Full PDB file with SEQRES, HELIX, SHEET, SSBOND, CRYST1, ORIGX, SCALE, CONECT and MASTER records, all heavy atoms in Angstrom:
SEQRES   1 A   37  THR ALA GLU GLU PRO ALA PRO ALA ALA TYR ARG LEU ALA          
SEQRES   2 A   37  ILE PRO SER ILE GLY LEU ASP HIS ALA MET SER GLY GLY          
SEQRES   3 A   37  GLY LEU SER ALA ASP GLY THR ILE ASP PRO PRO                  
HELIX    1 AA1 PRO A   15  ILE A   17  5                                   3    
SHEET    1 AA1 2 ARG A  11  ILE A  14  0                                        
SHEET    2 AA1 2 LEU A  19  ALA A  22 -1                                        
CRYST1    1.000    1.000    1.000  90.00  90.00  90.00 P 1           1          
ORIGX1      1.000000  0.000000  0.000000        0.00000                         
ORIGX2      0.000000  1.000000  0.000000        0.00000                         
ORIGX3      0.000000  0.000000  1.000000        0.00000                         
SCALE1      1.000000  0.000000  0.000000        0.00000                         
SCALE2      0.000000  1.000000  0.000000        0.00000                         
SCALE3      0.000000  0.000000  1.000000        0.00000                         
ATOM      1  N   THR A   1      10.847   8.753  -3.230  1.00  0.00           N  
ATOM      2  CA  THR A   1       9.924   9.459  -2.354  1.00  0.00           C  
ATOM      3  C   THR A   1       9.959   8.802  -0.994  1.00  0.00           C  
ATOM      4  O   THR A   1       9.861   7.598  -0.892  1.00  0.00           O  
ATOM      5  CB  THR A   1       8.496   9.344  -2.915  1.00  0.00           C  
ATOM      6  OG1 THR A   1       8.501   9.821  -4.252  1.00  0.00           O  
ATOM      7  CG2 THR A   1       7.518  10.127  -2.084  1.00  0.00           C  
ATOM      8  N   ALA A   2      10.090   9.581   0.033  1.00  0.00           N  
ATOM      9  CA  ALA A   2      10.144   9.011   1.371  1.00  0.00           C  
ATOM     10  C   ALA A   2       8.831   8.338   1.688  1.00  0.00           C  
ATOM     11  O   ALA A   2       7.772   8.783   1.282  1.00  0.00           O  
ATOM     12  CB  ALA A   2      10.414  10.121   2.371  1.00  0.00           C  
ATOM     13  N   GLU A   3       8.919   7.248   2.426  1.00  0.00           N  
ATOM     14  CA  GLU A   3       7.706   6.529   2.780  1.00  0.00           C  
ATOM     15  C   GLU A   3       6.840   7.384   3.674  1.00  0.00           C  
ATOM     16  O   GLU A   3       7.302   8.047   4.574  1.00  0.00           O  
ATOM     17  CB  GLU A   3       8.064   5.236   3.489  1.00  0.00           C  
ATOM     18  CG  GLU A   3       6.896   4.313   3.548  1.00  0.00           C  
ATOM     19  CD  GLU A   3       7.322   2.897   3.806  1.00  0.00           C  
ATOM     20  OE1 GLU A   3       8.393   2.525   3.331  1.00  0.00           O  
ATOM     21  OE2 GLU A   3       6.596   2.194   4.505  1.00  0.00           O  
ATOM     22  N   GLU A   4       5.553   7.375   3.378  1.00  0.00           N  
ATOM     23  CA  GLU A   4       4.632   8.219   4.123  1.00  0.00           C  
ATOM     24  C   GLU A   4       3.709   7.365   4.959  1.00  0.00           C  
ATOM     25  O   GLU A   4       2.983   6.536   4.456  1.00  0.00           O  
ATOM     26  CB  GLU A   4       3.803   9.027   3.115  1.00  0.00           C  
ATOM     27  CG  GLU A   4       2.695   9.814   3.730  1.00  0.00           C  
ATOM     28  CD  GLU A   4       1.874  10.491   2.645  1.00  0.00           C  
ATOM     29  OE1 GLU A   4       2.471  10.925   1.654  1.00  0.00           O  
ATOM     30  OE2 GLU A   4       0.652  10.556   2.798  1.00  0.00           O  
ATOM     31  N   PRO A   5       3.734   7.528   6.270  1.00  0.00           N  
ATOM     32  CA  PRO A   5       2.889   6.709   7.122  1.00  0.00           C  
ATOM     33  C   PRO A   5       1.442   6.934   6.750  1.00  0.00           C  
ATOM     34  O   PRO A   5       1.036   8.037   6.468  1.00  0.00           O  
ATOM     35  CB  PRO A   5       3.170   7.243   8.532  1.00  0.00           C  
ATOM     36  CG  PRO A   5       4.452   7.981   8.390  1.00  0.00           C  
ATOM     37  CD  PRO A   5       4.533   8.466   6.981  1.00  0.00           C  
ATOM     38  N   ALA A   6       0.652   5.881   6.706  1.00  0.00           N  
ATOM     39  CA  ALA A   6      -0.737   6.042   6.344  1.00  0.00           C  
ATOM     40  C   ALA A   6      -1.622   5.547   7.451  1.00  0.00           C  
ATOM     41  O   ALA A   6      -1.287   4.619   8.156  1.00  0.00           O  
ATOM     42  CB  ALA A   6      -1.022   5.256   5.092  1.00  0.00           C  
ATOM     43  N   PRO A   7      -2.757   6.175   7.617  1.00  0.00           N  
ATOM     44  CA  PRO A   7      -3.675   5.756   8.665  1.00  0.00           C  
ATOM     45  C   PRO A   7      -4.061   4.306   8.473  1.00  0.00           C  
ATOM     46  O   PRO A   7      -4.293   3.855   7.373  1.00  0.00           O  
ATOM     47  CB  PRO A   7      -4.889   6.674   8.460  1.00  0.00           C  
ATOM     48  CG  PRO A   7      -4.336   7.848   7.722  1.00  0.00           C  
ATOM     49  CD  PRO A   7      -3.234   7.308   6.863  1.00  0.00           C  
ATOM     50  N   ALA A   8      -4.157   3.580   9.565  1.00  0.00           N  
ATOM     51  CA  ALA A   8      -4.500   2.161   9.478  1.00  0.00           C  
ATOM     52  C   ALA A   8      -5.884   1.971   8.905  1.00  0.00           C  
ATOM     53  O   ALA A   8      -6.232   0.900   8.445  1.00  0.00           O  
ATOM     54  CB  ALA A   8      -4.419   1.543  10.870  1.00  0.00           C  
ATOM     55  N   ALA A   9      -6.697   3.038   8.918  1.00  0.00           N  
ATOM     56  CA  ALA A   9      -8.072   2.924   8.451  1.00  0.00           C  
ATOM     57  C   ALA A   9      -8.166   2.692   6.948  1.00  0.00           C  
ATOM     58  O   ALA A   9      -9.191   2.242   6.458  1.00  0.00           O  
ATOM     59  CB  ALA A   9      -8.851   4.184   8.826  1.00  0.00           C  
ATOM     60  N   TYR A  10      -7.129   3.030   6.200  1.00  0.00           N  
ATOM     61  CA  TYR A  10      -7.196   2.863   4.754  1.00  0.00           C  
ATOM     62  C   TYR A  10      -7.282   1.377   4.385  1.00  0.00           C  
ATOM     63  O   TYR A  10      -6.452   0.575   4.802  1.00  0.00           O  
ATOM     64  CB  TYR A  10      -5.975   3.480   4.078  1.00  0.00           C  
ATOM     65  CG  TYR A  10      -6.111   4.961   3.800  1.00  0.00           C  
ATOM     66  CD1 TYR A  10      -5.880   5.884   4.804  1.00  0.00           C  
ATOM     67  CD2 TYR A  10      -6.478   5.423   2.551  1.00  0.00           C  
ATOM     68  CE1 TYR A  10      -6.006   7.247   4.569  1.00  0.00           C  
ATOM     69  CE2 TYR A  10      -6.603   6.789   2.292  1.00  0.00           C  
ATOM     70  CZ  TYR A  10      -6.376   7.692   3.307  1.00  0.00           C  
ATOM     71  OH  TYR A  10      -6.508   9.034   3.068  1.00  0.00           O  
ATOM     72  N   ARG A  11      -8.311   1.048   3.580  1.00  0.00           N  
ATOM     73  CA  ARG A  11      -8.472  -0.331   3.133  1.00  0.00           C  
ATOM     74  C   ARG A  11      -8.913  -0.343   1.673  1.00  0.00           C  
ATOM     75  O   ARG A  11      -9.596   0.577   1.202  1.00  0.00           O  
ATOM     76  CB  ARG A  11      -9.508  -1.094   3.966  1.00  0.00           C  
ATOM     77  CG  ARG A  11      -9.151  -1.233   5.434  1.00  0.00           C  
ATOM     78  CD  ARG A  11     -10.109  -2.177   6.161  1.00  0.00           C  
ATOM     79  NE  ARG A  11      -9.911  -3.570   5.745  1.00  0.00           N  
ATOM     80  CZ  ARG A  11      -8.968  -4.374   6.251  1.00  0.00           C  
ATOM     81  NH1 ARG A  11      -8.141  -3.926   7.191  1.00  0.00           N  
ATOM     82  NH2 ARG A  11      -8.855  -5.626   5.844  1.00  0.00           N  
ATOM     83  N   LEU A  12      -8.527  -1.401   0.978  1.00  0.00           N  
ATOM     84  CA  LEU A  12      -8.952  -1.623  -0.406  1.00  0.00           C  
ATOM     85  C   LEU A  12      -9.800  -2.879  -0.444  1.00  0.00           C  
ATOM     86  O   LEU A  12      -9.381  -3.927   0.063  1.00  0.00           O  
ATOM     87  CB  LEU A  12      -7.733  -1.804  -1.318  1.00  0.00           C  
ATOM     88  CG  LEU A  12      -8.045  -2.201  -2.775  1.00  0.00           C  
ATOM     89  CD1 LEU A  12      -8.706  -1.020  -3.508  1.00  0.00           C  
ATOM     90  CD2 LEU A  12      -6.765  -2.636  -3.499  1.00  0.00           C  
ATOM     91  N   ALA A  13     -10.994  -2.784  -1.028  1.00  0.00           N  
ATOM     92  CA  ALA A  13     -11.869  -3.952  -1.131  1.00  0.00           C  
ATOM     93  C   ALA A  13     -12.362  -4.115  -2.567  1.00  0.00           C  
ATOM     94  O   ALA A  13     -12.804  -3.142  -3.191  1.00  0.00           O  
ATOM     95  CB  ALA A  13     -13.056  -3.815  -0.188  1.00  0.00           C  
ATOM     96  N   ILE A  14     -12.253  -5.340  -3.081  1.00  0.00           N  
ATOM     97  CA  ILE A  14     -12.801  -5.674  -4.395  1.00  0.00           C  
ATOM     98  C   ILE A  14     -13.676  -6.898  -4.177  1.00  0.00           C  
ATOM     99  O   ILE A  14     -13.198  -8.042  -4.187  1.00  0.00           O  
ATOM    100  CB  ILE A  14     -11.695  -5.971  -5.428  1.00  0.00           C  
ATOM    101  CG1 ILE A  14     -10.687  -4.809  -5.489  1.00  0.00           C  
ATOM    102  CG2 ILE A  14     -12.305  -6.215  -6.815  1.00  0.00           C  
ATOM    103  CD1 ILE A  14      -9.522  -5.047  -6.452  1.00  0.00           C  
ATOM    104  N   PRO A  15     -14.961  -6.709  -3.924  1.00  0.00           N  
ATOM    105  CA  PRO A  15     -15.863  -7.807  -3.556  1.00  0.00           C  
ATOM    106  C   PRO A  15     -15.887  -8.970  -4.542  1.00  0.00           C  
ATOM    107  O   PRO A  15     -16.002 -10.125  -4.129  1.00  0.00           O  
ATOM    108  CB  PRO A  15     -17.230  -7.116  -3.479  1.00  0.00           C  
ATOM    109  CG  PRO A  15     -16.896  -5.698  -3.119  1.00  0.00           C  
ATOM    110  CD  PRO A  15     -15.641  -5.401  -3.877  1.00  0.00           C  
ATOM    111  N   SER A  16     -15.746  -8.705  -5.828  1.00  0.00           N  
ATOM    112  CA  SER A  16     -15.859  -9.772  -6.828  1.00  0.00           C  
ATOM    113  C   SER A  16     -14.773 -10.830  -6.696  1.00  0.00           C  
ATOM    114  O   SER A  16     -14.938 -11.968  -7.146  1.00  0.00           O  
ATOM    115  CB  SER A  16     -15.825  -9.196  -8.246  1.00  0.00           C  
ATOM    116  OG  SER A  16     -14.585  -8.553  -8.502  1.00  0.00           O  
ATOM    117  N   ILE A  17     -13.634 -10.475  -6.071  1.00  0.00           N  
ATOM    118  CA  ILE A  17     -12.558 -11.458  -5.884  1.00  0.00           C  
ATOM    119  C   ILE A  17     -12.303 -11.721  -4.396  1.00  0.00           C  
ATOM    120  O   ILE A  17     -11.306 -12.345  -4.033  1.00  0.00           O  
ATOM    121  CB  ILE A  17     -11.248 -11.041  -6.588  1.00  0.00           C  
ATOM    122  CG1 ILE A  17     -10.745  -9.674  -6.059  1.00  0.00           C  
ATOM    123  CG2 ILE A  17     -11.441 -10.995  -8.099  1.00  0.00           C  
ATOM    124  CD1 ILE A  17      -9.351  -9.302  -6.574  1.00  0.00           C  
ATOM    125  N   GLY A  18     -13.203 -11.230  -3.557  1.00  0.00           N  
ATOM    126  CA  GLY A  18     -13.071 -11.487  -2.122  1.00  0.00           C  
ATOM    127  C   GLY A  18     -11.897 -10.797  -1.470  1.00  0.00           C  
ATOM    128  O   GLY A  18     -11.385 -11.263  -0.438  1.00  0.00           O  
ATOM    129  N   LEU A  19     -11.478  -9.663  -2.025  1.00  0.00           N  
ATOM    130  CA  LEU A  19     -10.329  -8.946  -1.469  1.00  0.00           C  
ATOM    131  C   LEU A  19     -10.785  -7.846  -0.523  1.00  0.00           C  
ATOM    132  O   LEU A  19     -11.652  -7.039  -0.856  1.00  0.00           O  
ATOM    133  CB  LEU A  19      -9.502  -8.324  -2.594  1.00  0.00           C  
ATOM    134  CG  LEU A  19      -8.328  -7.431  -2.153  1.00  0.00           C  
ATOM    135  CD1 LEU A  19      -7.241  -8.272  -1.494  1.00  0.00           C  
ATOM    136  CD2 LEU A  19      -7.751  -6.662  -3.329  1.00  0.00           C  
ATOM    137  N   ASP A  20     -10.200  -7.804   0.650  1.00  0.00           N  
ATOM    138  CA  ASP A  20     -10.427  -6.726   1.614  1.00  0.00           C  
ATOM    139  C   ASP A  20      -9.149  -6.629   2.434  1.00  0.00           C  
ATOM    140  O   ASP A  20      -8.867  -7.482   3.273  1.00  0.00           O  
ATOM    141  CB  ASP A  20     -11.623  -7.040   2.516  1.00  0.00           C  
ATOM    142  CG  ASP A  20     -11.959  -5.888   3.455  1.00  0.00           C  
ATOM    143  OD1 ASP A  20     -11.175  -4.922   3.528  1.00  0.00           O  
ATOM    144  OD2 ASP A  20     -13.009  -5.963   4.132  1.00  0.00           O  
ATOM    145  N   HIS A  21      -8.335  -5.597   2.166  1.00  0.00           N  
ATOM    146  CA  HIS A  21      -6.998  -5.562   2.744  1.00  0.00           C  
ATOM    147  C   HIS A  21      -6.604  -4.137   3.121  1.00  0.00           C  
ATOM    148  O   HIS A  21      -6.923  -3.178   2.420  1.00  0.00           O  
ATOM    149  CB  HIS A  21      -5.986  -6.111   1.729  1.00  0.00           C  
ATOM    150  CG  HIS A  21      -4.737  -6.646   2.341  1.00  0.00           C  
ATOM    151  ND1 HIS A  21      -3.733  -5.821   2.828  1.00  0.00           N  
ATOM    152  CD2 HIS A  21      -4.310  -7.915   2.558  1.00  0.00           C  
ATOM    153  CE1 HIS A  21      -2.751  -6.579   3.303  1.00  0.00           C  
ATOM    154  NE2 HIS A  21      -3.067  -7.843   3.157  1.00  0.00           N  
ATOM    155  N   ALA A  22      -5.889  -4.000   4.233  1.00  0.00           N  
ATOM    156  CA  ALA A  22      -5.359  -2.700   4.639  1.00  0.00           C  
ATOM    157  C   ALA A  22      -4.314  -2.242   3.626  1.00  0.00           C  
ATOM    158  O   ALA A  22      -3.678  -3.060   2.955  1.00  0.00           O  
ATOM    159  CB  ALA A  22      -4.717  -2.815   6.020  1.00  0.00           C  
ATOM    160  N   MET A  23      -4.153  -0.935   3.500  1.00  0.00           N  
ATOM    161  CA  MET A  23      -3.107  -0.418   2.604  1.00  0.00           C  
ATOM    162  C   MET A  23      -2.512   0.844   3.194  1.00  0.00           C  
ATOM    163  O   MET A  23      -3.111   1.494   4.059  1.00  0.00           O  
ATOM    164  CB  MET A  23      -3.654  -0.153   1.201  1.00  0.00           C  
ATOM    165  CG  MET A  23      -4.751   0.859   1.095  1.00  0.00           C  
ATOM    166  SD  MET A  23      -5.234   1.100  -0.651  1.00  0.00           S  
ATOM    167  CE  MET A  23      -6.751   2.048  -0.430  1.00  0.00           C  
ATOM    168  N   SER A  24      -1.311   1.160   2.754  1.00  0.00           N  
ATOM    169  CA  SER A  24      -0.614   2.335   3.253  1.00  0.00           C  
ATOM    170  C   SER A  24       0.214   2.931   2.131  1.00  0.00           C  
ATOM    171  O   SER A  24       0.435   2.302   1.094  1.00  0.00           O  
ATOM    172  CB  SER A  24       0.291   1.961   4.438  1.00  0.00           C  
ATOM    173  OG  SER A  24       1.253   1.008   4.033  1.00  0.00           O  
ATOM    174  N   GLY A  25       0.667   4.161   2.339  1.00  0.00           N  
ATOM    175  CA  GLY A  25       1.454   4.833   1.320  1.00  0.00           C  
ATOM    176  C   GLY A  25       2.929   4.496   1.420  1.00  0.00           C  
ATOM    177  O   GLY A  25       3.433   4.128   2.477  1.00  0.00           O  
ATOM    178  N   GLY A  26       3.628   4.609   0.306  1.00  0.00           N  
ATOM    179  CA  GLY A  26       5.063   4.345   0.289  1.00  0.00           C  
ATOM    180  C   GLY A  26       5.697   4.931  -0.952  1.00  0.00           C  
ATOM    181  O   GLY A  26       5.006   5.285  -1.914  1.00  0.00           O  
ATOM    182  N   GLY A  27       7.020   5.017  -0.931  1.00  0.00           N  
ATOM    183  CA  GLY A  27       7.751   5.567  -2.066  1.00  0.00           C  
ATOM    184  C   GLY A  27       8.546   4.498  -2.782  1.00  0.00           C  
ATOM    185  O   GLY A  27       8.175   3.330  -2.784  1.00  0.00           O  
ATOM    186  N   LEU A  28       9.643   4.912  -3.370  1.00  0.00           N  
ATOM    187  CA  LEU A  28      10.483   3.981  -4.117  1.00  0.00           C  
ATOM    188  C   LEU A  28      11.428   3.239  -3.177  1.00  0.00           C  
ATOM    189  O   LEU A  28      11.860   3.771  -2.164  1.00  0.00           O  
ATOM    190  CB  LEU A  28      11.300   4.739  -5.159  1.00  0.00           C  
ATOM    191  CG  LEU A  28      10.504   5.520  -6.211  1.00  0.00           C  
ATOM    192  CD1 LEU A  28      11.455   6.234  -7.152  1.00  0.00           C  
ATOM    193  CD2 LEU A  28       9.568   4.595  -6.968  1.00  0.00           C  
ATOM    194  N   SER A  29      11.753   2.018  -3.532  1.00  0.00           N  
ATOM    195  CA  SER A  29      12.714   1.247  -2.754  1.00  0.00           C  
ATOM    196  C   SER A  29      14.116   1.764  -3.061  1.00  0.00           C  
ATOM    197  O   SER A  29      14.307   2.628  -3.919  1.00  0.00           O  
ATOM    198  CB  SER A  29      12.609  -0.238  -3.106  1.00  0.00           C  
ATOM    199  OG  SER A  29      12.891  -0.433  -4.476  1.00  0.00           O  
ATOM    200  N   ALA A  30      15.105   1.206  -2.377  1.00  0.00           N  
ATOM    201  CA  ALA A  30      16.485   1.677  -2.544  1.00  0.00           C  
ATOM    202  C   ALA A  30      16.970   1.563  -3.982  1.00  0.00           C  
ATOM    203  O   ALA A  30      17.811   2.344  -4.433  1.00  0.00           O  
ATOM    204  CB  ALA A  30      17.410   0.900  -1.613  1.00  0.00           C  
ATOM    205  N   ASP A  31      16.424   0.586  -4.739  1.00  0.00           N  
ATOM    206  CA  ASP A  31      16.873   0.421  -6.120  1.00  0.00           C  
ATOM    207  C   ASP A  31      16.000   1.194  -7.092  1.00  0.00           C  
ATOM    208  O   ASP A  31      16.066   1.004  -8.300  1.00  0.00           O  
ATOM    209  CB  ASP A  31      16.931  -1.066  -6.505  1.00  0.00           C  
ATOM    210  CG  ASP A  31      15.568  -1.724  -6.469  1.00  0.00           C  
ATOM    211  OD1 ASP A  31      14.580  -1.043  -6.089  1.00  0.00           O  
ATOM    212  OD2 ASP A  31      15.468  -2.915  -6.823  1.00  0.00           O  
ATOM    213  N   GLY A  32      15.149   2.077  -6.570  1.00  0.00           N  
ATOM    214  CA  GLY A  32      14.358   2.940  -7.441  1.00  0.00           C  
ATOM    215  C   GLY A  32      13.128   2.295  -8.037  1.00  0.00           C  
ATOM    216  O   GLY A  32      12.614   2.758  -9.054  1.00  0.00           O  
ATOM    217  N   THR A  33      12.627   1.229  -7.413  1.00  0.00           N  
ATOM    218  CA  THR A  33      11.433   0.575  -7.931  1.00  0.00           C  
ATOM    219  C   THR A  33      10.284   0.717  -6.943  1.00  0.00           C  
ATOM    220  O   THR A  33      10.486   1.046  -5.786  1.00  0.00           O  
ATOM    221  CB  THR A  33      11.681  -0.930  -8.170  1.00  0.00           C  
ATOM    222  OG1 THR A  33      11.947  -1.559  -6.910  1.00  0.00           O  
ATOM    223  CG2 THR A  33      12.852  -1.145  -9.106  1.00  0.00           C  
ATOM    224  N   ILE A  34       9.080   0.438  -7.421  1.00  0.00           N  
ATOM    225  CA  ILE A  34       7.923   0.419  -6.530  1.00  0.00           C  
ATOM    226  C   ILE A  34       7.766  -1.031  -6.117  1.00  0.00           C  
ATOM    227  O   ILE A  34       7.329  -1.868  -6.901  1.00  0.00           O  
ATOM    228  CB  ILE A  34       6.668   0.898  -7.247  1.00  0.00           C  
ATOM    229  CG1 ILE A  34       6.815   2.365  -7.624  1.00  0.00           C  
ATOM    230  CG2 ILE A  34       5.454   0.692  -6.360  1.00  0.00           C  
ATOM    231  CD1 ILE A  34       5.654   2.928  -8.400  1.00  0.00           C  
ATOM    232  N   ASP A  35       8.141  -1.338  -4.921  1.00  0.00           N  
ATOM    233  CA  ASP A  35       8.203  -2.736  -4.491  1.00  0.00           C  
ATOM    234  C   ASP A  35       7.659  -2.889  -3.079  1.00  0.00           C  
ATOM    235  O   ASP A  35       8.399  -2.899  -2.116  1.00  0.00           O  
ATOM    236  CB  ASP A  35       9.656  -3.204  -4.566  1.00  0.00           C  
ATOM    237  CG  ASP A  35       9.788  -4.688  -4.325  1.00  0.00           C  
ATOM    238  OD1 ASP A  35       8.758  -5.366  -4.177  1.00  0.00           O  
ATOM    239  OD2 ASP A  35      10.925  -5.181  -4.279  1.00  0.00           O  
ATOM    240  N   PRO A  36       6.329  -3.013  -2.952  1.00  0.00           N  
ATOM    241  CA  PRO A  36       5.757  -3.138  -1.607  1.00  0.00           C  
ATOM    242  C   PRO A  36       6.206  -4.427  -0.935  1.00  0.00           C  
ATOM    243  O   PRO A  36       6.469  -5.411  -1.617  1.00  0.00           O  
ATOM    244  CB  PRO A  36       4.246  -3.140  -1.863  1.00  0.00           C  
ATOM    245  CG  PRO A  36       4.104  -3.558  -3.285  1.00  0.00           C  
ATOM    246  CD  PRO A  36       5.310  -3.061  -4.001  1.00  0.00           C  
ATOM    247  N   PRO A  37       6.294  -4.450   0.365  1.00  0.00           N  
ATOM    248  CA  PRO A  37       6.666  -5.684   1.063  1.00  0.00           C  
ATOM    249  C   PRO A  37       5.645  -6.777   0.775  1.00  0.00           C  
ATOM    250  O   PRO A  37       4.459  -6.485   0.548  1.00  0.00           O  
ATOM    251  CB  PRO A  37       6.626  -5.283   2.544  1.00  0.00           C  
ATOM    252  CG  PRO A  37       6.832  -3.795   2.525  1.00  0.00           C  
ATOM    253  CD  PRO A  37       6.118  -3.322   1.298  1.00  0.00           C  
TER     254      PRO A  37                                                      
MASTER        0    0    0    1    2    0    0    6  253    1    0    3          
END                                                                             
């Protein structure tokens, strides 16, 4: 799936572990895996 640009506003937060991080959409890497940078 081609990588899909995502609005910078998207964020994931899990307060119990102190996580608050931006996220964006993406597809499969060249080797066919889901491998975010």
